[in-house]
Protein backbone atom coordinates (compact mmCIF):
# COMPACT_ATOMS: atom_id res chain seq x y z
CA MET A 1 -12.14 -19.73 57.91
CA ASN A 2 -9.80 -21.93 55.94
CA LYS A 3 -12.07 -21.65 52.91
CA ALA A 4 -12.03 -17.86 53.15
CA VAL A 5 -8.22 -17.77 53.40
CA LYS A 6 -7.92 -20.20 50.52
CA GLY A 7 -10.33 -18.09 48.44
CA ARG A 8 -8.28 -14.94 49.05
CA ARG A 9 -5.07 -16.75 48.09
CA ASN A 10 -6.63 -18.05 44.88
CA LYS A 11 -7.82 -14.55 44.07
CA ARG A 12 -4.34 -13.12 44.64
CA ALA A 13 -2.83 -15.87 42.50
CA LEU A 14 -5.30 -15.11 39.72
CA HIS A 15 -4.49 -11.39 39.86
CA LEU A 16 -0.78 -12.21 39.78
CA GLN A 17 -1.24 -14.42 36.72
CA MET A 18 -3.20 -11.67 34.97
CA PHE A 19 -0.50 -9.12 35.80
CA LEU A 20 2.29 -11.41 34.54
CA MET A 21 0.39 -11.98 31.29
CA LEU A 22 0.04 -8.22 30.80
CA LEU A 23 3.60 -7.43 31.88
CA PRO A 24 5.34 -7.99 28.47
CA MET A 25 2.80 -5.73 26.74
CA LEU A 26 3.14 -3.10 29.47
CA ILE A 27 6.93 -3.12 29.14
CA LEU A 28 6.74 -2.72 25.37
CA PHE A 29 4.12 0.02 25.73
CA PHE A 30 6.32 1.93 28.16
CA LEU A 31 9.50 1.53 26.09
CA PHE A 32 8.06 2.34 22.67
CA CYS A 33 5.04 4.58 23.47
CA ALA A 34 4.99 6.19 26.88
CA TYR A 35 8.72 6.91 27.27
CA PRO A 36 9.20 8.43 23.77
CA LEU A 37 6.06 10.53 24.25
CA PHE A 38 7.14 12.04 27.57
CA TYR A 39 10.74 12.44 26.37
CA SER A 40 9.50 14.36 23.32
CA ILE A 41 7.46 16.62 25.59
CA TYR A 42 10.60 17.25 27.64
CA LEU A 43 12.69 18.00 24.53
CA SER A 44 10.03 20.42 23.29
CA PHE A 45 11.07 22.80 26.07
CA THR A 46 14.76 22.63 25.15
CA LYS A 47 17.20 23.69 22.46
CA TYR A 48 18.62 20.40 21.21
CA ASN A 49 20.36 19.31 18.02
CA GLY A 50 20.69 15.61 18.76
CA PHE A 51 24.39 15.77 19.70
CA THR A 52 24.98 18.30 22.46
CA ASP A 53 23.17 18.30 25.78
CA PRO A 54 19.63 19.73 25.74
CA VAL A 55 19.44 23.32 26.98
CA PHE A 56 16.17 24.40 28.61
CA ASN A 57 14.63 27.37 26.79
CA GLY A 58 11.11 27.47 28.22
CA VAL A 59 8.29 28.00 25.74
CA ASP A 60 10.49 29.53 23.02
CA ASN A 61 9.88 26.59 20.68
CA TYR A 62 6.11 26.95 21.05
CA LEU A 63 6.23 30.71 20.49
CA ARG A 64 8.25 30.08 17.36
CA LEU A 65 5.80 27.40 16.31
CA PHE A 66 2.80 29.72 16.41
CA ARG A 67 4.66 32.24 14.21
CA ASP A 68 5.90 29.60 11.76
CA GLU A 69 3.92 30.06 8.53
CA SER A 70 5.56 27.00 6.94
CA TRP A 71 4.23 24.80 9.73
CA TRP A 72 0.68 26.08 9.43
CA ASN A 73 0.90 25.64 5.68
CA ALA A 74 1.83 21.99 6.31
CA VAL A 75 -1.18 21.70 8.65
CA LYS A 76 -3.43 23.18 5.95
CA ASN A 77 -2.06 20.76 3.35
CA THR A 78 -2.64 17.84 5.72
CA PHE A 79 -6.29 18.82 6.17
CA GLN A 80 -6.75 19.30 2.42
CA LEU A 81 -5.21 15.95 1.47
CA THR A 82 -7.13 14.15 4.22
CA LEU A 83 -10.43 15.63 3.07
CA MET A 84 -9.70 14.85 -0.59
CA ALA A 85 -8.75 11.27 0.28
CA TYR A 86 -11.88 10.84 2.40
CA VAL A 87 -14.22 12.10 -0.31
CA ILE A 88 -12.69 9.79 -2.92
CA GLN A 89 -11.78 6.64 -0.98
CA ILE A 90 -14.97 6.05 1.01
CA PRO A 91 -17.43 6.02 -1.95
CA LEU A 92 -14.99 4.18 -4.23
CA SER A 93 -14.19 1.45 -1.72
CA LEU A 94 -17.90 0.96 -1.02
CA LEU A 95 -18.65 0.74 -4.74
CA LEU A 96 -15.91 -1.85 -5.26
CA ALA A 97 -17.15 -3.86 -2.25
CA VAL A 98 -20.66 -3.97 -3.71
CA LEU A 99 -19.34 -4.99 -7.13
CA VAL A 100 -17.07 -7.80 -5.92
CA ASN A 101 -19.87 -9.02 -3.66
CA SER A 102 -22.18 -9.47 -6.63
CA LYS A 103 -22.26 -12.69 -8.61
CA ILE A 104 -19.63 -12.05 -11.28
CA LYS A 105 -17.10 -14.33 -12.90
CA GLY A 106 -13.60 -14.11 -11.49
CA GLN A 107 -14.87 -12.68 -8.21
CA ASN A 108 -11.88 -13.86 -6.16
CA PHE A 109 -9.46 -12.71 -8.87
CA PHE A 110 -10.80 -9.15 -8.77
CA ARG A 111 -10.71 -9.11 -4.97
CA THR A 112 -7.06 -10.18 -5.00
CA ILE A 113 -6.04 -7.66 -7.66
CA ILE A 114 -7.72 -4.77 -5.86
CA PHE A 115 -6.25 -5.75 -2.49
CA LEU A 116 -2.74 -6.45 -3.83
CA PRO A 117 -1.40 -2.83 -3.60
CA ASN A 118 -2.17 -2.85 0.12
CA VAL A 119 0.55 -5.43 0.76
CA THR A 120 3.10 -3.47 -1.28
CA SER A 121 5.39 -0.91 0.35
CA THR A 122 4.13 2.65 -0.09
CA ALA A 123 7.69 3.74 -0.80
CA ILE A 124 7.89 1.33 -3.74
CA ILE A 125 4.49 2.47 -5.01
CA GLY A 126 5.73 6.05 -4.66
CA ILE A 127 8.74 5.33 -6.85
CA ILE A 128 6.48 3.75 -9.47
CA PHE A 129 4.17 6.77 -9.46
CA PHE A 130 7.17 9.10 -9.61
CA PHE A 131 8.31 7.55 -12.87
CA MET A 132 4.75 7.33 -14.19
CA PHE A 133 4.15 11.06 -13.67
CA SER A 134 7.68 12.23 -14.43
CA SER A 135 7.74 15.41 -16.54
CA TYR A 136 10.03 13.82 -19.11
CA ASN A 137 9.85 10.21 -20.25
CA GLY A 138 6.91 9.65 -17.89
CA ILE A 139 4.42 6.98 -18.88
CA VAL A 140 1.37 9.20 -18.35
CA ASN A 141 2.75 12.06 -20.45
CA GLY A 142 3.80 9.59 -23.13
CA ILE A 143 0.29 8.11 -23.38
CA LEU A 144 -1.40 11.52 -23.44
CA MET A 145 0.96 12.77 -26.16
CA GLN A 146 0.44 9.64 -28.23
CA LEU A 147 -3.32 10.20 -28.02
CA GLY A 148 -2.85 13.82 -29.06
CA LEU A 149 -4.45 15.14 -25.86
CA ILE A 150 -1.42 17.28 -24.96
CA GLY A 151 1.21 18.95 -27.09
CA ARG A 152 4.03 18.95 -24.55
CA PRO A 153 4.82 17.15 -21.29
CA ILE A 154 2.95 18.27 -18.18
CA GLU A 155 4.94 18.88 -14.99
CA TRP A 156 2.62 16.83 -12.80
CA LEU A 157 4.82 17.12 -9.72
CA GLY A 158 5.90 20.68 -10.46
CA HIS A 159 2.56 22.35 -9.79
CA THR A 160 0.78 22.41 -6.45
CA PHE A 161 -2.66 21.20 -7.53
CA SER A 162 -1.49 18.42 -9.87
CA ALA A 163 1.08 17.24 -7.31
CA LYS A 164 -1.64 16.92 -4.68
CA VAL A 165 -3.82 15.03 -7.15
CA VAL A 166 -1.00 12.55 -7.80
CA ILE A 167 -0.48 12.09 -4.04
CA ILE A 168 -4.20 11.35 -3.60
CA LEU A 169 -4.15 8.90 -6.52
CA LEU A 170 -1.21 7.06 -4.96
CA ASN A 171 -2.82 6.83 -1.53
CA THR A 172 -6.16 5.78 -3.00
CA TRP A 173 -4.58 3.04 -5.10
CA SER A 174 -2.54 1.72 -2.15
CA GLN A 175 -5.31 1.80 0.49
CA ILE A 176 -8.54 1.20 -1.42
CA GLY A 177 -8.19 -2.59 -1.25
CA TYR A 178 -8.15 -2.70 2.54
CA LEU A 179 -11.14 -0.38 2.84
CA MET A 180 -12.98 -2.50 0.25
CA ILE A 181 -12.34 -5.67 2.29
CA MET A 182 -13.74 -4.02 5.43
CA PHE A 183 -16.89 -2.89 3.62
CA LEU A 184 -17.20 -6.32 2.02
CA ALA A 185 -17.05 -8.05 5.40
CA ALA A 186 -19.78 -5.75 6.72
CA ILE A 187 -21.98 -6.28 3.66
CA GLN A 188 -21.72 -10.05 3.92
CA LYS A 189 -22.93 -9.91 7.53
CA ILE A 190 -26.23 -8.34 6.47
CA PRO A 191 -28.97 -11.03 6.64
CA LYS A 192 -30.02 -12.17 3.17
CA GLU A 193 -33.63 -12.33 4.39
CA LEU A 194 -33.76 -8.53 4.33
CA TYR A 195 -32.88 -8.47 0.62
CA GLU A 196 -35.36 -11.25 -0.09
CA SER A 197 -38.13 -9.31 1.66
CA ALA A 198 -37.20 -6.16 -0.22
CA THR A 199 -37.30 -8.09 -3.52
CA LEU A 200 -40.76 -9.45 -2.72
CA ASP A 201 -41.90 -5.88 -2.03
CA GLY A 202 -40.73 -4.93 -5.53
CA ALA A 203 -37.63 -2.93 -4.50
CA SER A 204 -35.01 -2.43 -7.20
CA LYS A 205 -31.29 -3.05 -6.63
CA TRP A 206 -30.72 0.66 -6.03
CA GLN A 207 -33.60 0.84 -3.55
CA GLN A 208 -32.24 -2.21 -1.73
CA PHE A 209 -28.81 -0.60 -1.56
CA ARG A 210 -30.20 2.70 -0.30
CA SER A 211 -32.74 1.30 2.17
CA VAL A 212 -31.04 -1.89 3.37
CA THR A 213 -27.29 -1.84 2.74
CA LEU A 214 -26.40 1.75 3.62
CA PRO A 215 -28.30 1.96 6.94
CA LEU A 216 -26.76 -1.30 8.16
CA LEU A 217 -23.23 -0.13 7.28
CA GLY A 218 -23.41 2.80 9.68
CA GLU A 219 -20.96 1.50 12.28
CA MET A 220 -18.53 0.33 9.60
CA PHE A 221 -18.70 3.80 8.05
CA GLN A 222 -17.71 5.19 11.43
CA VAL A 223 -14.69 2.88 11.73
CA ILE A 224 -13.48 3.33 8.14
CA SER A 225 -13.96 7.10 8.29
CA MET A 226 -11.82 7.29 11.42
CA MET A 227 -9.16 5.18 9.72
CA CYS A 228 -9.12 7.49 6.69
CA ILE A 229 -8.79 10.55 8.90
CA LEU A 230 -5.94 9.08 10.95
CA ASN A 231 -4.16 7.81 7.82
CA GLY A 232 -4.44 11.27 6.32
CA PHE A 233 -2.88 12.93 9.36
CA GLN A 234 -0.06 10.37 9.34
CA LEU A 235 0.65 10.92 5.65
CA PHE A 236 4.40 10.87 5.06
CA ASP A 237 6.06 8.29 2.83
CA SER A 238 4.13 9.00 -0.37
CA VAL A 239 4.79 12.75 -0.09
CA LYS A 240 8.44 12.15 0.78
CA VAL A 241 9.02 9.95 -2.26
CA LEU A 242 6.92 11.88 -4.78
CA THR A 243 7.50 15.55 -4.07
CA GLY A 244 9.62 15.90 -0.94
CA GLY A 245 7.16 18.63 0.04
CA GLY A 246 7.63 20.62 -3.17
CA PRO A 247 7.11 22.64 -5.15
CA GLY A 248 8.10 25.32 -2.66
CA ASN A 249 6.82 23.32 0.35
CA GLN A 250 3.29 23.54 -1.09
CA THR A 251 2.70 19.80 -0.59
CA SER A 252 4.50 19.54 2.75
CA VAL A 253 2.49 17.76 5.46
CA MET A 254 2.85 17.60 9.23
CA ALA A 255 4.80 14.35 9.43
CA LEU A 256 7.22 15.41 6.69
CA TYR A 257 7.74 18.80 8.32
CA ILE A 258 8.65 17.13 11.63
CA TYR A 259 10.93 14.66 9.85
CA ASN A 260 12.86 17.45 8.10
CA TYR A 261 13.65 19.17 11.41
CA PHE A 262 14.54 15.95 13.20
CA PHE A 263 16.90 14.62 10.54
CA ASN A 264 18.16 17.75 8.78
CA SER A 265 21.71 16.88 7.74
CA THR A 266 22.82 20.53 7.80
CA GLY A 267 21.58 21.19 11.33
CA ALA A 268 18.93 19.19 13.11
CA GLN A 269 16.63 21.06 15.49
CA GLN A 270 15.18 18.24 17.50
CA GLY A 271 13.97 20.48 20.30
CA TYR A 272 11.84 22.49 17.90
CA ALA A 273 10.81 19.32 16.05
CA SER A 274 9.60 17.87 19.36
CA ALA A 275 7.44 20.94 19.97
CA VAL A 276 6.00 20.58 16.48
CA SER A 277 5.31 16.88 17.05
CA VAL A 278 3.50 17.66 20.32
CA CYS A 279 1.37 20.21 18.45
CA ALA A 280 0.68 17.68 15.68
CA THR A 281 -0.36 15.10 18.27
CA PHE A 282 -2.84 17.51 19.85
CA ILE A 283 -4.27 18.46 16.44
CA THR A 284 -4.73 14.82 15.44
CA ALA A 285 -6.22 13.91 18.83
CA ALA A 286 -8.59 16.90 18.70
CA VAL A 287 -9.84 16.03 15.22
CA GLY A 288 -10.30 12.39 16.19
CA ALA A 289 -12.11 13.33 19.42
CA VAL A 290 -14.47 15.73 17.64
CA TYR A 291 -15.27 13.14 14.98
CA PHE A 292 -15.78 10.44 17.61
CA LEU A 293 -18.12 12.63 19.66
CA ILE A 294 -20.19 13.60 16.61
CA THR A 295 -20.52 10.06 15.29
CA SER A 296 -21.06 8.51 18.73
CA LYS A 297 -23.90 10.92 19.40
CA LYS A 298 -25.42 10.17 16.01
CA PHE A 299 -25.29 6.40 16.42
CA GLY A 300 -26.36 6.69 20.07
CA GLN A 301 -29.51 8.50 19.00
CA LYS A 302 -30.22 5.84 16.37
CA GLY A 303 -29.73 3.14 18.96
CA GLU A 304 -32.29 4.75 21.22
């Protein structure tokens, strides 16, 4: 009997210790995640400018949202930029990982140089790119004119397509190093015996890459792809610094659109911005869930 009572007390003490260890994280989660989320949902049903008291207006903000062409244009731009980034960054980061994993001189130097932009603020990189692609006195225009490839400066940030290309270049340059490191870590975990066996069977480097490396990078592809998608839907700082959503809101993205309504100096509409942010959250969650279901099913079938 005493042993049973003592066992129950020890179990309660263990549960209490576990709870106390989790308590700081739970408090931070509630303060900085759960509370802001539910408060934003509440504000989405109100008319609120950040200064006066919120006034309940039902679903007016959501009805306005569905009729707002500028918002849906921002959603379209977000999807476009995310897809463009995905198509470019995944193959390029994999290629760089394979190259820096090969036996070349200065291997660590190249790894450091490629990864370096990842530890630099995106806002600072955005300013650098802004001056590089400036219509007048921009470095890129100056080089192209010196080479005789163009006769007059190109307004890189003044046209929709070229502005989006510059945004993708910025994001690729700033994020490619981290993606490369993740691929590199996965490649180095592949047993060398597999490559040795493939070599003995007469497989070329390309055949080894196609038949050994790629199949064993499947789970890492899943993780990196999800990261690229989520990063694309959270795109903000590079667009804010480079174009501000221009020209004519043609490069505006979801996060920037929400920001403009939350912090508009001439008249913030935080109630409407909250409704937009709730919609953006559902869109991002839906895309992530669909991707996760598709890839989980694919890898689940392979595992069977």
